[in-house]
Amino acid sequence: MSDEDGKQLLHFVFGGELKNTAEVEFKDLNKLDFVGMYPNFAEARKAWRAKAQATVDNAQMRYFVVHMHRLLEPDDDHQH
């Protein structure tokens, strides 16, 4: 739950190898790593950090946190 109001704010963590480090375009969409869905930004950030640190030797590997709650409720003004 979010720390602010107890409302669940979904976040999705995923990653993959980029074609080049200057753009967000993946080499192979079939090889994306869908890490998981998390109930708040803090939990998603932990998962993101673990995956990013585990792949630090591959400069083209990138992980992202998607704020799903913003896509589900785009008119709401959330802090995270």
PDB file of N, CA and C in Angstrom:
ATOM      1  N   MET A   1       0.838  -1.186   0.000  1.00  0.00           N
ATOM      2  CA  MET A   1       0.000   0.000   0.000  1.00  0.00           C
ATOM      3  C   MET A   1       0.881   1.247   0.000  1.00  0.00           C
ATOM      4  N   SER A   2       0.358   2.322  -0.523  1.00  0.00           N
ATOM      5  CA  SER A   2       1.150   3.547  -0.536  1.00  0.00           C
ATOM      6  C   SER A   2       1.228   4.096   0.871  1.00  0.00           C
ATOM      7  N   ASP A   3       2.292   4.797   1.151  1.00  0.00           N
ATOM      8  CA  ASP A   3       2.470   5.366   2.478  1.00  0.00           C
ATOM      9  C   ASP A   3       1.512   6.529   2.736  1.00  0.00           C
ATOM     10  N   GLU A   4       1.071   7.189   1.678  1.00  0.00           N
ATOM     11  CA  GLU A   4       0.283   8.403   1.832  1.00  0.00           C
ATOM     12  C   GLU A   4      -1.139   8.157   2.305  1.00  0.00           C
ATOM     13  N   ASP A   5      -1.879   7.292   1.603  1.00  0.00           N
ATOM     14  CA  ASP A   5      -3.294   7.153   1.923  1.00  0.00           C
ATOM     15  C   ASP A   5      -3.767   5.708   1.977  1.00  0.00           C
ATOM     16  N   GLY A   6      -2.857   4.746   1.944  1.00  0.00           N
ATOM     17  CA  GLY A   6      -3.226   3.349   2.004  1.00  0.00           C
ATOM     18  C   GLY A   6      -3.772   2.812   0.695  1.00  0.00           C
ATOM     19  N   LYS A   7      -3.805   3.625  -0.354  1.00  0.00           N
ATOM     20  CA  LYS A   7      -4.320   3.193  -1.643  1.00  0.00           C
ATOM     21  C   LYS A   7      -3.247   2.424  -2.406  1.00  0.00           C
ATOM     22  N   GLN A   8      -3.659   1.339  -3.021  1.00  0.00           N
ATOM     23  CA  GLN A   8      -2.743   0.541  -3.828  1.00  0.00           C
ATOM     24  C   GLN A   8      -2.419   1.295  -5.120  1.00  0.00           C
ATOM     25  N   LEU A   9      -1.124   1.509  -5.365  1.00  0.00           N
ATOM     26  CA  LEU A   9      -0.662   2.189  -6.574  1.00  0.00           C
ATOM     27  C   LEU A   9       0.242   1.218  -7.334  1.00  0.00           C
ATOM     28  N   LEU A  10      -0.320   0.517  -8.304  1.00  0.00           N
ATOM     29  CA  LEU A  10       0.400  -0.535  -9.012  1.00  0.00           C
ATOM     30  C   LEU A  10       1.575  -0.016  -9.828  1.00  0.00           C
ATOM     31  N   HIS A  11       2.678  -0.774  -9.762  1.00  0.00           N
ATOM     32  CA  HIS A  11       3.889  -0.487 -10.535  1.00  0.00           C
ATOM     33  C   HIS A  11       4.381  -1.792 -11.140  1.00  0.00           C
ATOM     34  N   PHE A  12       4.793  -1.728 -12.411  1.00  0.00           N
ATOM     35  CA  PHE A  12       5.251  -2.898 -13.152  1.00  0.00           C
ATOM     36  C   PHE A  12       6.734  -2.734 -13.463  1.00  0.00           C
ATOM     37  N   VAL A  13       7.521  -3.779 -13.211  1.00  0.00           N
ATOM     38  CA  VAL A  13       8.959  -3.747 -13.475  1.00  0.00           C
ATOM     39  C   VAL A  13       9.266  -4.740 -14.594  1.00  0.00           C
ATOM     40  N   PHE A  14       9.987  -4.257 -15.601  1.00  0.00           N
ATOM     41  CA  PHE A  14      10.408  -5.124 -16.696  1.00  0.00           C
ATOM     42  C   PHE A  14      11.711  -4.601 -17.272  1.00  0.00           C
ATOM     43  N   GLY A  15      12.347  -5.423 -18.085  1.00  0.00           N
ATOM     44  CA  GLY A  15      13.596  -4.998 -18.695  1.00  0.00           C
ATOM     45  C   GLY A  15      13.935  -5.834 -19.905  1.00  0.00           C
ATOM     46  N   GLY A  16      15.019  -5.435 -20.547  1.00  0.00           N
ATOM     47  CA  GLY A  16      15.489  -6.156 -21.708  1.00  0.00           C
ATOM     48  C   GLY A  16      16.738  -5.500 -22.263  1.00  0.00           C
ATOM     49  N   GLU A  17      17.314  -6.166 -23.237  1.00  0.00           N
ATOM     50  CA  GLU A  17      18.530  -5.662 -23.849  1.00  0.00           C
ATOM     51  C   GLU A  17      18.162  -4.674 -24.958  1.00  0.00           C
ATOM     52  N   LEU A  18      18.782  -3.499 -24.921  1.00  0.00           N
ATOM     53  CA  LEU A  18      18.515  -2.459 -25.904  1.00  0.00           C
ATOM     54  C   LEU A  18      19.378  -2.644 -27.146  1.00  0.00           C
ATOM     55  N   LYS A  19      18.883  -2.125 -28.284  1.00  0.00           N
ATOM     56  CA  LYS A  19      19.681  -2.152 -29.512  1.00  0.00           C
ATOM     57  C   LYS A  19      20.909  -1.266 -29.360  1.00  0.00           C
ATOM     58  N   ASN A  20      20.718  -0.108 -28.731  1.00  0.00           N
ATOM     59  CA  ASN A  20      21.843   0.768 -28.376  1.00  0.00           C
ATOM     60  C   ASN A  20      21.442   1.565 -27.147  1.00  0.00           C
ATOM     61  N   THR A  21      22.419   2.101 -26.450  1.00  0.00           N
ATOM     62  CA  THR A  21      22.148   2.762 -25.171  1.00  0.00           C
ATOM     63  C   THR A  21      21.580   4.166 -25.317  1.00  0.00           C
ATOM     64  N   ALA A  22      21.510   4.696 -26.535  1.00  0.00           N
ATOM     65  CA  ALA A  22      20.999   6.048 -26.743  1.00  0.00           C
ATOM     66  C   ALA A  22      19.485   6.092 -26.894  1.00  0.00           C
ATOM     67  N   GLU A  23      18.849   4.936 -27.096  1.00  0.00           N
ATOM     68  CA  GLU A  23      17.404   4.880 -27.315  1.00  0.00           C
ATOM     69  C   GLU A  23      16.782   3.728 -26.527  1.00  0.00           C
ATOM     70  N   VAL A  24      15.489   3.818 -26.309  1.00  0.00           N
ATOM     71  CA  VAL A  24      14.767   2.722 -25.672  1.00  0.00           C
ATOM     72  C   VAL A  24      14.081   1.920 -26.776  1.00  0.00           C
ATOM     73  N   GLU A  25      14.876   1.085 -27.426  1.00  0.00           N
ATOM     74  CA  GLU A  25      14.374   0.152 -28.422  1.00  0.00           C
ATOM     75  C   GLU A  25      15.047  -1.179 -28.151  1.00  0.00           C
ATOM     76  N   PHE A  26      14.223  -2.201 -27.916  1.00  0.00           N
ATOM     77  CA  PHE A  26      14.744  -3.494 -27.492  1.00  0.00           C
ATOM     78  C   PHE A  26      15.222  -4.337 -28.671  1.00  0.00           C
ATOM     79  N   LYS A  27      16.283  -5.119 -28.423  1.00  0.00           N
ATOM     80  CA  LYS A  27      16.824  -6.024 -29.443  1.00  0.00           C
ATOM     81  C   LYS A  27      15.812  -7.089 -29.830  1.00  0.00           C
ATOM     82  N   ASP A  28      15.174  -7.696 -28.833  1.00  0.00           N
ATOM     83  CA  ASP A  28      14.267  -8.820 -29.086  1.00  0.00           C
ATOM     84  C   ASP A  28      13.118  -8.768 -28.083  1.00  0.00           C
ATOM     85  N   LEU A  29      11.933  -8.418 -28.550  1.00  0.00           N
ATOM     86  CA  LEU A  29      10.777  -8.323 -27.650  1.00  0.00           C
ATOM     87  C   LEU A  29      10.408  -9.667 -27.021  1.00  0.00           C
ATOM     88  N   ASN A  30      10.776 -10.751 -27.671  1.00  0.00           N
ATOM     89  CA  ASN A  30      10.488 -12.075 -27.118  1.00  0.00           C
ATOM     90  C   ASN A  30      11.364 -12.411 -25.918  1.00  0.00           C
ATOM     91  N   LYS A  31      12.407 -11.633 -25.707  1.00  0.00           N
ATOM     92  CA  LYS A  31      13.317 -11.895 -24.596  1.00  0.00           C
ATOM     93  C   LYS A  31      13.201 -10.874 -23.462  1.00  0.00           C
ATOM     94  N   LEU A  32      12.107 -10.092 -23.451  1.00  0.00           N
ATOM     95  CA  LEU A  32      11.903  -9.157 -22.346  1.00  0.00           C
ATOM     96  C   LEU A  32      11.747  -9.923 -21.040  1.00  0.00           C
ATOM     97  N   ASP A  33      12.249  -9.343 -19.970  1.00  0.00           N
ATOM     98  CA  ASP A  33      12.167  -9.927 -18.636  1.00  0.00           C
ATOM     99  C   ASP A  33      11.062  -9.211 -17.875  1.00  0.00           C
ATOM    100  N   PHE A  34       9.911  -9.887 -17.726  1.00  0.00           N
ATOM    101  CA  PHE A  34       8.796  -9.328 -16.969  1.00  0.00           C
ATOM    102  C   PHE A  34       8.996  -9.697 -15.503  1.00  0.00           C
ATOM    103  N   VAL A  35       9.511  -8.760 -14.743  1.00  0.00           N
ATOM    104  CA  VAL A  35       9.893  -9.027 -13.359  1.00  0.00           C
ATOM    105  C   VAL A  35       8.665  -9.195 -12.478  1.00  0.00           C
ATOM    106  N   GLY A  36       7.719  -8.254 -12.555  1.00  0.00           N
ATOM    107  CA  GLY A  36       6.510  -8.393 -11.745  1.00  0.00           C
ATOM    108  C   GLY A  36       5.758  -7.101 -11.530  1.00  0.00           C
ATOM    109  N   MET A  37       4.620  -7.254 -10.869  1.00  0.00           N
ATOM    110  CA  MET A  37       3.739  -6.144 -10.515  1.00  0.00           C
ATOM    111  C   MET A  37       3.857  -5.935  -9.005  1.00  0.00           C
ATOM    112  N   TYR A  38       3.928  -4.667  -8.597  1.00  0.00           N
ATOM    113  CA  TYR A  38       4.150  -4.340  -7.189  1.00  0.00           C
ATOM    114  C   TYR A  38       3.108  -3.333  -6.704  1.00  0.00           C
ATOM    115  N   PRO A  39       2.749  -3.390  -5.417  1.00  0.00           N
ATOM    116  CA  PRO A  39       1.660  -2.561  -4.899  1.00  0.00           C
ATOM    117  C   PRO A  39       2.029  -1.098  -4.653  1.00  0.00           C
ATOM    118  N   ASN A  40       3.317  -0.775  -4.735  1.00  0.00           N
ATOM    119  CA  ASN A  40       3.744   0.609  -4.512  1.00  0.00           C
ATOM    120  C   ASN A  40       5.125   0.822  -5.122  1.00  0.00           C
ATOM    121  N   PHE A  41       5.532   2.079  -5.214  1.00  0.00           N
ATOM    122  CA  PHE A  41       6.796   2.423  -5.843  1.00  0.00           C
ATOM    123  C   PHE A  41       7.995   1.877  -5.072  1.00  0.00           C
ATOM    124  N   ALA A  42       7.918   1.886  -3.752  1.00  0.00           N
ATOM    125  CA  ALA A  42       9.048   1.417  -2.936  1.00  0.00           C
ATOM    126  C   ALA A  42       9.363  -0.051  -3.227  1.00  0.00           C
ATOM    127  N   GLU A  43       8.346  -0.891  -3.318  1.00  0.00           N
ATOM    128  CA  GLU A  43       8.558  -2.312  -3.612  1.00  0.00           C
ATOM    129  C   GLU A  43       9.059  -2.504  -5.043  1.00  0.00           C
ATOM    130  N   ALA A  44       8.512  -1.742  -5.973  1.00  0.00           N
ATOM    131  CA  ALA A  44       8.952  -1.825  -7.370  1.00  0.00           C
ATOM    132  C   ALA A  44      10.400  -1.387  -7.500  1.00  0.00           C
ATOM    133  N   ARG A  45      10.767  -0.352  -6.776  1.00  0.00           N
ATOM    134  CA  ARG A  45      12.143   0.146  -6.840  1.00  0.00           C
ATOM    135  C   ARG A  45      13.135  -0.905  -6.321  1.00  0.00           C
ATOM    136  N   LYS A  46      12.752  -1.632  -5.280  1.00  0.00           N
ATOM    137  CA  LYS A  46      13.610  -2.703  -4.757  1.00  0.00           C
ATOM    138  C   LYS A  46      13.849  -3.762  -5.827  1.00  0.00           C
ATOM    139  N   ALA A  47      12.781  -4.172  -6.509  1.00  0.00           N
ATOM    140  CA  ALA A  47      12.894  -5.182  -7.561  1.00  0.00           C
ATOM    141  C   ALA A  47      13.720  -4.653  -8.722  1.00  0.00           C
ATOM    142  N   TRP A  48      13.469  -3.415  -9.120  1.00  0.00           N
ATOM    143  CA  TRP A  48      14.222  -2.778 -10.205  1.00  0.00           C
ATOM    144  C   TRP A  48      15.714  -2.731  -9.872  1.00  0.00           C
ATOM    145  N   ARG A  49      16.029  -2.288  -8.670  1.00  0.00           N
ATOM    146  CA  ARG A  49      17.423  -2.166  -8.248  1.00  0.00           C
ATOM    147  C   ARG A  49      18.133  -3.528  -8.258  1.00  0.00           C
ATOM    148  N   ALA A  50      17.461  -4.551  -7.775  1.00  0.00           N
ATOM    149  CA  ALA A  50      18.056  -5.890  -7.739  1.00  0.00           C
ATOM    150  C   ALA A  50      18.364  -6.384  -9.154  1.00  0.00           C
ATOM    151  N   LYS A  51      17.426  -6.197 -10.067  1.00  0.00           N
ATOM    152  CA  LYS A  51      17.645  -6.635 -11.449  1.00  0.00           C
ATOM    153  C   LYS A  51      18.718  -5.795 -12.130  1.00  0.00           C
ATOM    154  N   ALA A  52      18.700  -4.497 -11.917  1.00  0.00           N
ATOM    155  CA  ALA A  52      19.697  -3.609 -12.526  1.00  0.00           C
ATOM    156  C   ALA A  52      21.098  -3.956 -12.026  1.00  0.00           C
ATOM    157  N   GLN A  53      21.230  -4.216 -10.745  1.00  0.00           N
ATOM    158  CA  GLN A  53      22.540  -4.553 -10.192  1.00  0.00           C
ATOM    159  C   GLN A  53      23.008  -5.927 -10.662  1.00  0.00           C
ATOM    160  N   ALA A  54      22.078  -6.852 -10.866  1.00  0.00           N
ATOM    161  CA  ALA A  54      22.436  -8.197 -11.316  1.00  0.00           C
ATOM    162  C   ALA A  54      22.915  -8.214 -12.768  1.00  0.00           C
ATOM    163  N   THR A  55      22.548  -7.182 -13.529  1.00  0.00           N
ATOM    164  CA  THR A  55      22.914  -7.128 -14.950  1.00  0.00           C
ATOM    165  C   THR A  55      23.870  -5.975 -15.253  1.00  0.00           C
ATOM    166  N   VAL A  56      24.549  -5.469 -14.256  1.00  0.00           N
ATOM    167  CA  VAL A  56      25.405  -4.296 -14.409  1.00  0.00           C
ATOM    168  C   VAL A  56      26.534  -4.514 -15.422  1.00  0.00           C
ATOM    169  N   ASP A  57      26.948  -5.734 -15.641  1.00  0.00           N
ATOM    170  CA  ASP A  57      28.028  -6.012 -16.587  1.00  0.00           C
ATOM    171  C   ASP A  57      27.595  -5.906 -18.050  1.00  0.00           C
ATOM    172  N   ASN A  58      26.296  -5.870 -18.301  1.00  0.00           N
ATOM    173  CA  ASN A  58      25.772  -5.733 -19.659  1.00  0.00           C
ATOM    174  C   ASN A  58      25.262  -4.304 -19.837  1.00  0.00           C
ATOM    175  N   ALA A  59      26.047  -3.468 -20.506  1.00  0.00           N
ATOM    176  CA  ALA A  59      25.704  -2.049 -20.650  1.00  0.00           C
ATOM    177  C   ALA A  59      24.411  -1.824 -21.420  1.00  0.00           C
ATOM    178  N   GLN A  60      23.985  -2.787 -22.212  1.00  0.00           N
ATOM    179  CA  GLN A  60      22.774  -2.608 -23.008  1.00  0.00           C
ATOM    180  C   GLN A  60      21.512  -3.127 -22.305  1.00  0.00           C
ATOM    181  N   MET A  61      21.664  -3.746 -21.173  1.00  0.00           N
ATOM    182  CA  MET A  61      20.514  -4.256 -20.422  1.00  0.00           C
ATOM    183  C   MET A  61      19.942  -3.146 -19.568  1.00  0.00           C
ATOM    184  N   ARG A  62      18.635  -2.922 -19.667  1.00  0.00           N
ATOM    185  CA  ARG A  62      17.974  -1.871 -18.902  1.00  0.00           C
ATOM    186  C   ARG A  62      16.677  -2.389 -18.294  1.00  0.00           C
ATOM    187  N   TYR A  63      16.397  -1.925 -17.097  1.00  0.00           N
ATOM    188  CA  TYR A  63      15.142  -2.242 -16.422  1.00  0.00           C
ATOM    189  C   TYR A  63      14.389  -0.946 -16.170  1.00  0.00           C
ATOM    190  N   PHE A  64      13.062  -1.052 -16.169  1.00  0.00           N
ATOM    191  CA  PHE A  64      12.190   0.115 -16.050  1.00  0.00           C
ATOM    192  C   PHE A  64      11.088  -0.154 -15.042  1.00  0.00           C
ATOM    193  N   VAL A  65      10.610   0.936 -14.427  1.00  0.00           N
ATOM    194  CA  VAL A  65       9.436   0.888 -13.561  1.00  0.00           C
ATOM    195  C   VAL A  65       8.337   1.665 -14.277  1.00  0.00           C
ATOM    196  N   VAL A  66       7.219   0.994 -14.537  1.00  0.00           N
ATOM    197  CA  VAL A  66       6.069   1.631 -15.183  1.00  0.00           C
ATOM    198  C   VAL A  66       5.028   1.898 -14.109  1.00  0.00           C
ATOM    199  N   HIS A  67       4.581   3.129 -14.031  1.00  0.00           N
ATOM    200  CA  HIS A  67       3.568   3.539 -13.048  1.00  0.00           C
ATOM    201  C   HIS A  67       2.189   3.161 -13.600  1.00  0.00           C
ATOM    202  N   MET A  68       1.792   1.921 -13.377  1.00  0.00           N
ATOM    203  CA  MET A  68       0.532   1.418 -13.928  1.00  0.00           C
ATOM    204  C   MET A  68      -0.671   2.205 -13.411  1.00  0.00           C
ATOM    205  N   HIS A  69      -0.620   2.656 -12.177  1.00  0.00           N
ATOM    206  CA  HIS A  69      -1.745   3.394 -11.603  1.00  0.00           C
ATOM    207  C   HIS A  69      -2.016   4.674 -12.389  1.00  0.00           C
ATOM    208  N   ARG A  70      -0.986   5.249 -12.982  1.00  0.00           N
ATOM    209  CA  ARG A  70      -1.179   6.452 -13.801  1.00  0.00           C
ATOM    210  C   ARG A  70      -1.886   6.124 -15.110  1.00  0.00           C
ATOM    211  N   LEU A  71      -1.648   4.931 -15.640  1.00  0.00           N
ATOM    212  CA  LEU A  71      -2.327   4.502 -16.861  1.00  0.00           C
ATOM    213  C   LEU A  71      -3.777   4.122 -16.585  1.00  0.00           C
ATOM    214  N   LEU A  72      -4.011   3.534 -15.418  1.00  0.00           N
ATOM    215  CA  LEU A  72      -5.358   3.103 -15.053  1.00  0.00           C
ATOM    216  C   LEU A  72      -6.248   4.273 -14.662  1.00  0.00           C
ATOM    217  N   GLU A  73      -5.656   5.293 -14.032  1.00  0.00           N
ATOM    218  CA  GLU A  73      -6.397   6.472 -13.581  1.00  0.00           C
ATOM    219  C   GLU A  73      -5.615   7.723 -13.953  1.00  0.00           C
ATOM    220  N   PRO A  74      -5.554   8.064 -15.256  1.00  0.00           N
ATOM    221  CA  PRO A  74      -4.691   9.169 -15.703  1.00  0.00           C
ATOM    222  C   PRO A  74      -5.074  10.547 -15.166  1.00  0.00           C
ATOM    223  N   ASP A  75      -6.306  10.722 -14.705  1.00  0.00           N
ATOM    224  CA  ASP A  75      -6.723  12.030 -14.197  1.00  0.00           C
ATOM    225  C   ASP A  75      -6.349  12.259 -12.740  1.00  0.00           C
ATOM    226  N   ASP A  76      -5.976  11.185 -12.036  1.00  0.00           N
ATOM    227  CA  ASP A  76      -5.573  11.318 -10.630  1.00  0.00           C
ATOM    228  C   ASP A  76      -4.183  11.918 -10.547  1.00  0.00           C
ATOM    229  N   ASP A  77      -3.939  12.710  -9.534  1.00  0.00           N
ATOM    230  CA  ASP A  77      -2.636  13.338  -9.327  1.00  0.00           C
ATOM    231  C   ASP A  77      -1.925  12.600  -8.202  1.00  0.00           C
ATOM    232  N   HIS A  78      -1.007  11.670  -8.568  1.00  0.00           N
ATOM    233  CA  HIS A  78      -0.260  10.894  -7.579  1.00  0.00           C
ATOM    234  C   HIS A  78       1.172  11.388  -7.501  1.00  0.00           C
ATOM    235  N   GLN A  79       1.785  11.221  -6.355  1.00  0.00           N
ATOM    236  CA  GLN A  79       3.167  11.643  -6.143  1.00  0.00           C
ATOM    237  C   GLN A  79       4.164  10.690  -6.760  1.00  0.00           C
ATOM    238  N   HIS A  80       3.865   9.377  -6.864  1.00  0.00           N
ATOM    239  CA  HIS A  80       4.836   8.373  -7.361  1.00  0.00           C
ATOM    240  C   HIS A  80       4.334   7.778  -8.640  1.00  0.00           C
TER     241      HIS A  80
END
